[in-house]
Amino acid sequence: ARWADGVCGFQFGPTPEEIAFQFDAARAAWREAGRDGEPYLGTSCWFALGETPTQQLVGYLDRYLAFRGPGVATEVVPSWGPYCS
């Protein structure tokens, strides 16, 4: 909060509660650092559209997360629960 303009987070399957928690923490840190105004607040997530979104995400993440070893995507994507249906 002392050096940045805000926070840009990332969630695999963001919920309003997760985002609110992160944004509230950023606002609190901003105030504690004595900053004026409001911090920039942003977030992002991965998504896929179409008839096979889960398979698309697994394929993409297999390539993107390959440095972590084989099969990581098949472990990560199901944890997104209702976001992958």
C-alpha atoms as a PDB file:
ATOM      1  CA  ALA A   1       0.000   0.000   0.000  1.00  0.00           C
ATOM      2  CA  ARG A   2       2.958   2.326   0.487  1.00  0.00           C
ATOM      3  CA  TRP A   3       4.300   1.941  -3.064  1.00  0.00           C
ATOM      4  CA  ALA A   4       1.520   0.617  -5.308  1.00  0.00           C
ATOM      5  CA  ASP A   5      -1.553   2.224  -6.836  1.00  0.00           C
ATOM      6  CA  GLY A   6      -3.791  -0.658  -5.767  1.00  0.00           C
ATOM      7  CA  VAL A   7      -4.206  -4.372  -6.270  1.00  0.00           C
ATOM      8  CA  CYS A   8      -4.932  -6.596  -9.255  1.00  0.00           C
ATOM      9  CA  GLY A   9      -5.756 -10.067  -8.009  1.00  0.00           C
ATOM     10  CA  PHE A  10      -6.545 -13.383  -9.605  1.00  0.00           C
ATOM     11  CA  GLN A  11      -8.994 -16.132  -8.695  1.00  0.00           C
ATOM     12  CA  PHE A  12      -9.562 -19.465 -10.419  1.00  0.00           C
ATOM     13  CA  GLY A  13     -13.315 -19.274  -9.830  1.00  0.00           C
ATOM     14  CA  PRO A  14     -14.003 -15.963  -8.166  1.00  0.00           C
ATOM     15  CA  THR A  15     -16.882 -15.607  -5.781  1.00  0.00           C
ATOM     16  CA  PRO A  16     -18.200 -12.249  -4.603  1.00  0.00           C
ATOM     17  CA  GLU A  17     -16.998 -13.146  -1.098  1.00  0.00           C
ATOM     18  CA  GLU A  18     -13.406 -13.862  -2.221  1.00  0.00           C
ATOM     19  CA  ILE A  19     -13.222 -10.645  -4.194  1.00  0.00           C
ATOM     20  CA  ALA A  20     -14.751  -8.592  -1.362  1.00  0.00           C
ATOM     21  CA  PHE A  21     -12.221 -10.065   1.098  1.00  0.00           C
ATOM     22  CA  GLN A  22      -9.274  -9.105  -1.133  1.00  0.00           C
ATOM     23  CA  PHE A  23     -10.615  -5.638  -1.889  1.00  0.00           C
ATOM     24  CA  ASP A  24     -11.407  -4.955   1.776  1.00  0.00           C
ATOM     25  CA  ALA A  25      -7.866  -6.008   2.726  1.00  0.00           C
ATOM     26  CA  ALA A  26      -6.435  -3.652   0.092  1.00  0.00           C
ATOM     27  CA  ARG A  27      -8.581  -0.763   1.326  1.00  0.00           C
ATOM     28  CA  ALA A  28      -7.541  -1.421   4.940  1.00  0.00           C
ATOM     29  CA  ALA A  29      -3.845  -1.534   3.991  1.00  0.00           C
ATOM     30  CA  TRP A  30      -4.334   1.689   2.015  1.00  0.00           C
ATOM     31  CA  ARG A  31      -5.791   3.470   5.058  1.00  0.00           C
ATOM     32  CA  GLU A  32      -3.139   2.044   7.410  1.00  0.00           C
ATOM     33  CA  ALA A  33      -0.433   3.382   5.094  1.00  0.00           C
ATOM     34  CA  GLY A  34      -2.024   6.849   5.329  1.00  0.00           C
ATOM     35  CA  ARG A  35      -2.867   7.024   1.629  1.00  0.00           C
ATOM     36  CA  ASP A  36      -5.472   9.480   0.349  1.00  0.00           C
ATOM     37  CA  GLY A  37      -8.263   8.505  -2.020  1.00  0.00           C
ATOM     38  CA  GLU A  38      -8.994   4.923  -2.994  1.00  0.00           C
ATOM     39  CA  PRO A  39      -6.690   2.169  -4.301  1.00  0.00           C
ATOM     40  CA  TYR A  40      -7.141   0.717  -7.769  1.00  0.00           C
ATOM     41  CA  LEU A  41      -9.023  -2.568  -7.365  1.00  0.00           C
ATOM     42  CA  GLY A  42      -9.019  -5.177 -10.107  1.00  0.00           C
ATOM     43  CA  THR A  43      -9.317  -8.927 -10.469  1.00  0.00           C
ATOM     44  CA  SER A  44      -9.265 -11.526 -13.216  1.00  0.00           C
ATOM     45  CA  CYS A  45      -9.971 -15.179 -13.878  1.00  0.00           C
ATOM     46  CA  TRP A  46      -9.705 -17.805 -16.611  1.00  0.00           C
ATOM     47  CA  PHE A  47     -12.820 -18.889 -18.453  1.00  0.00           C
ATOM     48  CA  ALA A  48     -13.883 -20.737 -21.561  1.00  0.00           C
ATOM     49  CA  LEU A  49     -17.079 -20.662 -23.575  1.00  0.00           C
ATOM     50  CA  GLY A  50     -18.680 -23.204 -25.836  1.00  0.00           C
ATOM     51  CA  GLU A  51     -19.841 -26.780 -25.606  1.00  0.00           C
ATOM     52  CA  THR A  52     -16.711 -28.119 -23.830  1.00  0.00           C
ATOM     53  CA  PRO A  53     -15.447 -25.349 -21.540  1.00  0.00           C
ATOM     54  CA  THR A  54     -13.881 -27.690 -18.984  1.00  0.00           C
ATOM     55  CA  GLN A  55     -11.910 -29.544 -21.660  1.00  0.00           C
ATOM     56  CA  GLN A  56     -10.811 -26.218 -23.171  1.00  0.00           C
ATOM     57  CA  LEU A  57      -9.538 -24.994 -19.797  1.00  0.00           C
ATOM     58  CA  VAL A  58      -7.720 -28.244 -19.086  1.00  0.00           C
ATOM     59  CA  GLY A  59      -6.046 -28.111 -22.509  1.00  0.00           C
ATOM     60  CA  TYR A  60      -4.981 -24.499 -22.031  1.00  0.00           C
ATOM     61  CA  LEU A  61      -3.787 -25.019 -18.472  1.00  0.00           C
ATOM     62  CA  ASP A  62      -1.854 -28.165 -19.417  1.00  0.00           C
ATOM     63  CA  ARG A  63       0.251 -25.922 -21.641  1.00  0.00           C
ATOM     64  CA  TYR A  64       0.295 -22.885 -19.333  1.00  0.00           C
ATOM     65  CA  LEU A  65       1.162 -24.814 -16.164  1.00  0.00           C
ATOM     66  CA  ALA A  66       3.460 -27.389 -17.796  1.00  0.00           C
ATOM     67  CA  PHE A  67       6.393 -26.098 -15.727  1.00  0.00           C
ATOM     68  CA  ARG A  68       4.647 -27.488 -12.614  1.00  0.00           C
ATOM     69  CA  GLY A  69       4.563 -31.019 -13.982  1.00  0.00           C
ATOM     70  CA  PRO A  70       2.090 -33.255 -15.801  1.00  0.00           C
ATOM     71  CA  GLY A  71      -1.533 -33.386 -14.703  1.00  0.00           C
ATOM     72  CA  VAL A  72      -1.655 -30.115 -12.768  1.00  0.00           C
ATOM     73  CA  ALA A  73      -4.527 -28.780 -14.861  1.00  0.00           C
ATOM     74  CA  THR A  74      -6.710 -31.800 -14.156  1.00  0.00           C
ATOM     75  CA  GLU A  75      -6.168 -31.119 -10.425  1.00  0.00           C
ATOM     76  CA  VAL A  76      -6.841 -27.360 -10.637  1.00  0.00           C
ATOM     77  CA  VAL A  77      -9.880 -27.156 -12.934  1.00  0.00           C
ATOM     78  CA  PRO A  78     -12.255 -29.412 -10.927  1.00  0.00           C
ATOM     79  CA  SER A  79     -11.635 -27.231  -7.858  1.00  0.00           C
ATOM     80  CA  TRP A  80     -13.542 -24.492  -9.670  1.00  0.00           C
ATOM     81  CA  GLY A  81     -16.730 -26.376  -8.902  1.00  0.00           C
ATOM     82  CA  PRO A  82     -19.834 -24.740 -10.400  1.00  0.00           C
ATOM     83  CA  TYR A  83     -17.748 -22.517 -12.639  1.00  0.00           C
ATOM     84  CA  CYS A  84     -16.891 -25.523 -14.798  1.00  0.00           C
ATOM     85  CA  SER A  85     -20.214 -26.913 -15.826  1.00  0.00           C
END
